[in-house]
Amino acid sequence: MEQQLIQLYLWVCRVYDTQPDLKAQRMSNNHRPPCTDQELMTVYLFGHLQGHFTQRRIYDYTAGHWRAWFPALPSYQAFNRRLNRLSAAFALVLQDSLRQAGERLGGGDDRLLDSLPVMLAKGSRGDAARVARPLAAKGYCASKRLYYHGVKLHLVARKRYKRLPVPESLVLTSAAVHDLTAFQQALAWPEAGALFGDKAYGDVATRAALAARHVTLCVPEKRPLGRPRDEWQAGLWSRFVSAMRQPVESCFNWLIQRAGIQDAAKVRSTDGLLVHCYGKLTVCCFLLLFNS
């Protein structure tokens, strides 16, 4: 456990040393606080590795078990406030993690495309929710058949044989943004191979644009208009696409179980929501890099 903490701290420090934007963050008189930003980020990430998914539990765990390693750990209020100011830093660390994962873990030419809802409030509470309004909005999760207030994580991942896919491009959008719109406007498009997605991505223009890049878009067949659902059975092609997409579903389940990314009910600000998403994704990238 101590070795993992040291490895994580050195990894965070290396990213800080290679990112000029992170070095230029602090321009105030308090540019050298006793507990550095690198230490705060390490505490947050390490707490997740030990199974603590909220900032309160992470702080209590660190203060109770690792105080000797972080003697200048601030109060919980200062810890929470400073951590929320590191949302841009978490985004840069995540970006570097994705680059390392692509270089080290590789993968085939086939890619998987899907989205995951991150819920601040769900059901009837989603109508009155006002948290993180600049980013979050009301949306609908078809797989769970519920409305929620929150954001969506859109992901393009490189498929690997009998292993979790490697994230290649991701973006956070409002829950009200359609999956196809996010893919068309925000995600990086692959250059070759096959791209497997669900029915939401079955757009003729998008298929043609991908074909021009030598990419084959594979989506399930849609039920014919006017045909009852109980009389419609998916063909072999739809079953094949669903089987190929299974790893991205497993990846999302792993993100939920390993970092608790889908439940953001404790978040109270836009910066807190960004830390929630980018921080938990960084934890999972660390696990992919050093445990694969």
Protein backbone atom coordinates (compact mmCIF):
# COMPACT_ATOMS: atom_id res chain seq x y z
CA MET A 1 0.00 0.00 0.00
CA GLU A 2 2.84 2.40 0.84
CA GLN A 3 4.53 1.54 -2.44
CA GLN A 4 1.31 2.31 -4.31
CA LEU A 5 1.05 5.70 -2.57
CA ILE A 6 4.64 6.56 -3.49
CA GLN A 7 4.11 5.44 -7.08
CA LEU A 8 0.97 7.54 -7.34
CA TYR A 9 2.65 10.64 -5.89
CA LEU A 10 5.64 10.35 -8.24
CA TRP A 11 3.26 9.88 -11.19
CA VAL A 12 1.33 13.05 -10.29
CA CYS A 13 4.56 15.01 -9.79
CA ARG A 14 5.88 13.85 -13.17
CA VAL A 15 2.73 15.08 -14.89
CA TYR A 16 3.03 18.43 -13.09
CA ASP A 17 6.66 18.74 -14.16
CA THR A 18 5.79 18.13 -17.83
CA GLN A 19 2.71 20.38 -17.99
CA PRO A 20 3.57 24.13 -18.14
CA ASP A 21 -0.09 25.05 -17.55
CA LEU A 22 -0.02 23.34 -14.16
CA LYS A 23 3.15 25.17 -13.12
CA ALA A 24 1.59 28.55 -13.90
CA GLN A 25 -1.55 28.01 -11.84
CA ARG A 26 -0.46 29.68 -8.63
CA MET A 27 0.52 33.34 -9.06
CA SER A 28 -0.45 34.62 -5.59
CA ASN A 29 1.53 35.26 -2.42
CA ASN A 30 0.47 31.80 -1.27
CA HIS A 31 2.12 30.12 -4.25
CA ARG A 32 3.95 27.65 -1.98
CA PRO A 33 1.40 26.29 0.51
CA PRO A 34 2.63 23.77 3.11
CA CYS A 35 0.42 21.09 1.54
CA THR A 36 1.03 21.25 -2.21
CA ASP A 37 -1.51 20.74 -4.97
CA GLN A 38 0.35 17.56 -5.92
CA GLU A 39 -0.21 16.19 -2.42
CA LEU A 40 -3.90 17.10 -2.46
CA MET A 41 -4.39 15.38 -5.80
CA THR A 42 -2.49 12.33 -4.55
CA VAL A 43 -4.69 12.17 -1.44
CA TYR A 44 -7.83 12.30 -3.59
CA LEU A 45 -6.67 9.63 -6.02
CA PHE A 46 -5.25 7.35 -3.32
CA GLY A 47 -8.47 7.55 -1.33
CA HIS A 48 -10.34 6.20 -4.35
CA LEU A 49 -7.88 3.35 -4.70
CA GLN A 50 -8.76 2.39 -1.12
CA GLY A 51 -12.50 2.39 -1.84
CA HIS A 52 -13.52 5.86 -0.58
CA PHE A 53 -15.54 7.74 -3.19
CA THR A 54 -16.55 11.00 -1.46
CA GLN A 55 -14.28 13.85 -0.42
CA ARG A 56 -15.45 13.63 3.19
CA ARG A 57 -14.55 9.94 3.46
CA ILE A 58 -11.26 10.46 1.65
CA TYR A 59 -10.28 13.24 4.03
CA ASP A 60 -11.25 11.29 7.15
CA TYR A 61 -9.38 8.21 5.92
CA THR A 62 -6.23 10.19 5.16
CA ALA A 63 -6.34 12.14 8.42
CA GLY A 64 -6.88 8.96 10.41
CA HIS A 65 -4.38 6.62 8.73
CA TRP A 66 -1.85 8.69 6.74
CA ARG A 67 -1.38 11.87 8.78
CA ALA A 68 2.34 11.14 9.18
CA TRP A 69 2.71 11.11 5.40
CA PHE A 70 0.79 14.38 5.00
CA PRO A 71 1.63 16.42 8.16
CA ALA A 72 0.49 19.71 6.57
CA LEU A 73 -2.93 18.37 5.55
CA PRO A 74 -5.33 21.34 5.90
CA SER A 75 -8.75 21.35 7.51
CA TYR A 76 -11.56 19.61 5.66
CA GLN A 77 -13.06 22.93 4.55
CA ALA A 78 -9.76 24.08 3.05
CA PHE A 79 -9.14 20.64 1.55
CA ASN A 80 -12.54 20.66 -0.12
CA ARG A 81 -12.20 24.25 -1.36
CA ARG A 82 -8.69 23.78 -2.78
CA LEU A 83 -9.57 20.46 -4.37
CA ASN A 84 -12.49 21.98 -6.26
CA ARG A 85 -10.11 24.60 -7.65
CA LEU A 86 -8.04 21.82 -9.21
CA SER A 87 -10.69 20.81 -11.75
CA ALA A 88 -8.54 22.10 -14.66
CA ALA A 89 -5.51 20.29 -13.23
CA PHE A 90 -7.43 17.01 -13.08
CA ALA A 91 -8.44 17.50 -16.73
CA LEU A 92 -4.79 17.93 -17.76
CA VAL A 93 -3.66 14.91 -15.72
CA LEU A 94 -6.44 12.86 -17.30
CA GLN A 95 -5.39 14.01 -20.77
CA ASP A 96 -1.81 12.91 -20.09
CA SER A 97 -3.10 9.58 -18.71
CA LEU A 98 -5.09 8.93 -21.88
CA ARG A 99 -2.01 9.62 -23.98
CA GLN A 100 0.09 7.20 -21.90
CA ALA A 101 -2.63 4.54 -22.03
CA GLY A 102 -2.76 4.78 -25.82
CA GLU A 103 1.01 4.43 -26.11
CA ARG A 104 1.49 1.61 -23.59
CA LEU A 105 -1.63 -0.53 -23.91
CA GLY A 106 -2.31 -0.30 -27.63
CA GLY A 107 -5.27 -2.29 -28.93
CA GLY A 108 -6.77 -3.27 -32.27
CA ASP A 109 -8.31 -1.18 -35.05
CA ASP A 110 -11.88 -1.73 -33.80
CA ARG A 111 -13.33 0.97 -31.56
CA LEU A 112 -16.35 1.21 -29.27
CA LEU A 113 -18.63 4.23 -28.90
CA ASP A 114 -21.09 4.85 -26.08
CA SER A 115 -22.15 7.25 -23.32
CA LEU A 116 -22.61 6.99 -19.55
CA PRO A 117 -24.94 9.23 -17.49
CA VAL A 118 -23.50 10.93 -14.40
CA MET A 119 -26.46 11.72 -12.16
CA LEU A 120 -26.68 14.64 -9.75
CA ALA A 121 -30.37 13.94 -9.13
CA LYS A 122 -32.78 11.48 -10.64
CA GLY A 123 -36.47 10.82 -10.91
CA SER A 124 -38.78 13.50 -9.56
CA ARG A 125 -35.87 15.31 -7.88
CA GLY A 126 -34.27 15.97 -11.25
CA ASP A 127 -36.99 18.49 -12.15
CA ALA A 128 -36.10 20.82 -9.28
CA ALA A 129 -32.30 20.31 -9.28
CA ARG A 130 -30.19 23.45 -9.73
CA VAL A 131 -26.67 22.13 -9.09
CA ALA A 132 -23.97 22.86 -11.69
CA ARG A 133 -26.40 24.59 -14.05
CA PRO A 134 -23.63 25.87 -16.39
CA LEU A 135 -22.85 22.26 -17.32
CA ALA A 136 -25.63 19.95 -16.12
CA ALA A 137 -29.20 19.67 -17.42
CA LYS A 138 -32.14 17.30 -17.45
CA GLY A 139 -31.81 14.23 -19.66
CA TYR A 140 -33.19 10.75 -20.16
CA CYS A 141 -31.38 7.44 -19.64
CA ALA A 142 -32.98 4.87 -21.93
CA SER A 143 -31.21 1.87 -20.38
CA LYS A 144 -32.52 2.72 -16.89
CA ARG A 145 -35.76 4.28 -18.17
CA LEU A 146 -35.54 7.35 -15.98
CA TYR A 147 -35.07 11.10 -16.22
CA TYR A 148 -32.16 12.67 -14.36
CA HIS A 149 -30.30 15.93 -13.85
CA GLY A 150 -26.63 15.68 -14.68
CA VAL A 151 -24.10 15.20 -17.47
CA LYS A 152 -23.03 12.51 -19.93
CA LEU A 153 -19.63 10.97 -20.39
CA HIS A 154 -19.13 10.20 -24.10
CA LEU A 155 -16.37 7.73 -24.85
CA VAL A 156 -14.51 6.29 -27.83
CA ALA A 157 -12.37 3.33 -26.72
CA ARG A 158 -10.02 0.99 -28.53
CA LYS A 159 -11.09 -2.64 -28.26
CA ARG A 160 -8.70 -5.22 -26.78
CA TYR A 161 -8.98 -9.00 -26.80
CA LYS A 162 -10.44 -10.31 -23.51
CA ARG A 163 -9.50 -7.09 -21.68
CA LEU A 164 -11.10 -3.78 -20.89
CA PRO A 165 -11.00 -1.35 -23.82
CA VAL A 166 -8.52 1.54 -23.74
CA PRO A 167 -10.12 5.01 -23.66
CA GLU A 168 -9.00 7.02 -26.68
CA SER A 169 -11.24 10.09 -26.65
CA LEU A 170 -13.80 11.31 -24.12
CA VAL A 171 -15.86 14.41 -23.45
CA LEU A 172 -18.39 15.62 -20.87
CA THR A 173 -21.60 17.23 -22.09
CA SER A 174 -24.93 18.24 -20.68
CA ALA A 175 -27.37 15.37 -20.25
CA ALA A 176 -29.62 17.12 -22.78
CA VAL A 177 -27.06 16.72 -25.59
CA HIS A 178 -27.84 13.80 -27.91
CA ASP A 179 -25.19 11.09 -28.23
CA LEU A 180 -24.92 11.58 -31.99
CA THR A 181 -24.41 15.34 -31.60
CA ALA A 182 -21.62 14.82 -29.07
CA PHE A 183 -19.89 12.36 -31.38
CA GLN A 184 -20.17 14.65 -34.38
CA GLN A 185 -18.97 17.80 -32.63
CA ALA A 186 -16.74 16.89 -29.68
CA LEU A 187 -15.16 13.43 -29.94
CA ALA A 188 -12.07 12.53 -31.97
CA TRP A 189 -12.98 10.38 -34.97
CA PRO A 190 -10.91 7.29 -35.74
CA GLU A 191 -8.91 7.03 -38.95
CA ALA A 192 -9.51 3.38 -39.85
CA GLY A 193 -11.18 0.16 -38.73
CA ALA A 194 -14.69 -0.47 -37.43
CA LEU A 195 -16.66 1.65 -34.97
CA PHE A 196 -19.37 -0.11 -32.94
CA GLY A 197 -22.18 1.94 -31.39
CA ASP A 198 -25.85 1.67 -30.48
CA LYS A 199 -28.87 2.76 -32.52
CA ALA A 200 -28.44 6.42 -31.53
CA TYR A 201 -25.46 6.72 -33.87
CA GLY A 202 -27.22 5.24 -36.93
CA ASP A 203 -27.12 8.42 -39.03
CA VAL A 204 -26.70 8.23 -42.81
CA ALA A 205 -24.54 11.36 -43.09
CA THR A 206 -22.30 10.27 -40.23
CA ARG A 207 -21.91 6.82 -41.76
CA ALA A 208 -20.85 8.40 -45.08
CA ALA A 209 -18.40 10.78 -43.40
CA LEU A 210 -16.80 7.90 -41.51
CA ALA A 211 -16.62 5.80 -44.67
CA ALA A 212 -14.60 8.60 -46.28
CA ARG A 213 -12.09 8.11 -43.44
CA HIS A 214 -12.04 4.33 -44.07
CA VAL A 215 -14.09 3.67 -40.92
CA THR A 216 -17.08 1.30 -40.95
CA LEU A 217 -19.89 2.35 -38.62
CA CYS A 218 -21.64 -0.70 -37.14
CA VAL A 219 -24.96 -0.18 -35.33
CA PRO A 220 -27.88 -2.56 -34.62
CA GLU A 221 -30.85 -2.72 -36.94
CA LYS A 222 -33.82 -0.55 -36.09
CA ARG A 223 -37.30 -2.01 -35.68
CA PRO A 224 -39.35 -1.33 -38.82
CA LEU A 225 -41.86 1.49 -38.40
CA GLY A 226 -45.32 0.21 -37.50
CA ARG A 227 -44.16 -3.30 -36.61
CA PRO A 228 -45.10 -4.35 -33.02
CA ARG A 229 -42.17 -4.79 -30.69
CA ASP A 230 -43.25 -8.32 -29.67
CA GLU A 231 -43.16 -9.39 -33.33
CA TRP A 232 -39.73 -7.91 -34.02
CA GLN A 233 -36.67 -10.00 -33.28
CA ALA A 234 -33.16 -8.65 -33.83
CA GLY A 235 -31.29 -10.42 -36.59
CA LEU A 236 -27.84 -11.92 -36.54
CA TRP A 237 -26.27 -8.57 -37.40
CA SER A 238 -27.79 -6.85 -34.36
CA ARG A 239 -26.65 -9.69 -32.12
CA PHE A 240 -23.16 -9.44 -33.55
CA VAL A 241 -22.99 -5.69 -32.92
CA SER A 242 -24.30 -6.13 -29.38
CA ALA A 243 -21.67 -8.77 -28.68
CA MET A 244 -18.91 -6.52 -30.01
CA ARG A 245 -20.18 -3.62 -27.87
CA GLN A 246 -20.21 -5.67 -24.68
CA PRO A 247 -16.68 -4.61 -23.59
CA VAL A 248 -17.66 -0.93 -23.41
CA GLU A 249 -20.60 -1.88 -21.17
CA SER A 250 -18.15 -3.81 -18.98
CA CYS A 251 -15.88 -0.75 -18.95
CA PHE A 252 -18.70 1.49 -17.72
CA ASN A 253 -19.67 -1.04 -15.05
CA TRP A 254 -16.03 -1.10 -13.96
CA LEU A 255 -15.97 2.71 -13.74
CA ILE A 256 -19.10 2.65 -11.58
CA GLN A 257 -17.88 -0.09 -9.25
CA ARG A 258 -14.23 1.01 -9.00
CA ALA A 259 -14.74 4.77 -8.70
CA GLY A 260 -18.46 5.41 -8.21
CA ILE A 261 -18.55 7.83 -11.13
CA GLN A 262 -22.27 7.60 -11.91
CA ASP A 263 -23.50 8.75 -8.49
CA ALA A 264 -22.78 12.49 -8.11
CA ALA A 265 -25.50 13.21 -5.55
CA LYS A 266 -22.98 14.74 -3.09
CA VAL A 267 -21.69 17.30 -5.62
CA ARG A 268 -22.67 20.91 -4.93
CA SER A 269 -20.90 22.99 -7.62
CA THR A 270 -19.74 22.96 -11.23
CA ASP A 271 -16.07 22.69 -10.20
CA GLY A 272 -16.99 19.88 -7.84
CA LEU A 273 -18.73 18.05 -10.67
CA LEU A 274 -15.65 18.39 -12.89
CA VAL A 275 -13.41 17.08 -10.12
CA HIS A 276 -15.86 14.23 -9.57
CA CYS A 277 -15.72 13.19 -13.23
CA TYR A 278 -12.12 13.91 -14.18
CA GLY A 279 -10.72 12.71 -10.86
CA LYS A 280 -12.49 9.37 -10.95
CA LEU A 281 -11.53 8.84 -14.59
CA THR A 282 -7.91 9.59 -13.68
CA VAL A 283 -8.05 6.93 -10.95
CA CYS A 284 -9.24 4.34 -13.46
CA CYS A 285 -6.58 5.37 -15.99
CA PHE A 286 -3.95 4.88 -13.28
CA LEU A 287 -5.30 1.38 -12.64
CA LEU A 288 -5.23 0.59 -16.36
CA LEU A 289 -1.68 1.85 -16.74
CA PHE A 290 -0.12 0.12 -13.75
CA ASN A 291 -2.29 -2.99 -13.31
CA SER A 292 -2.71 -4.16 -16.92
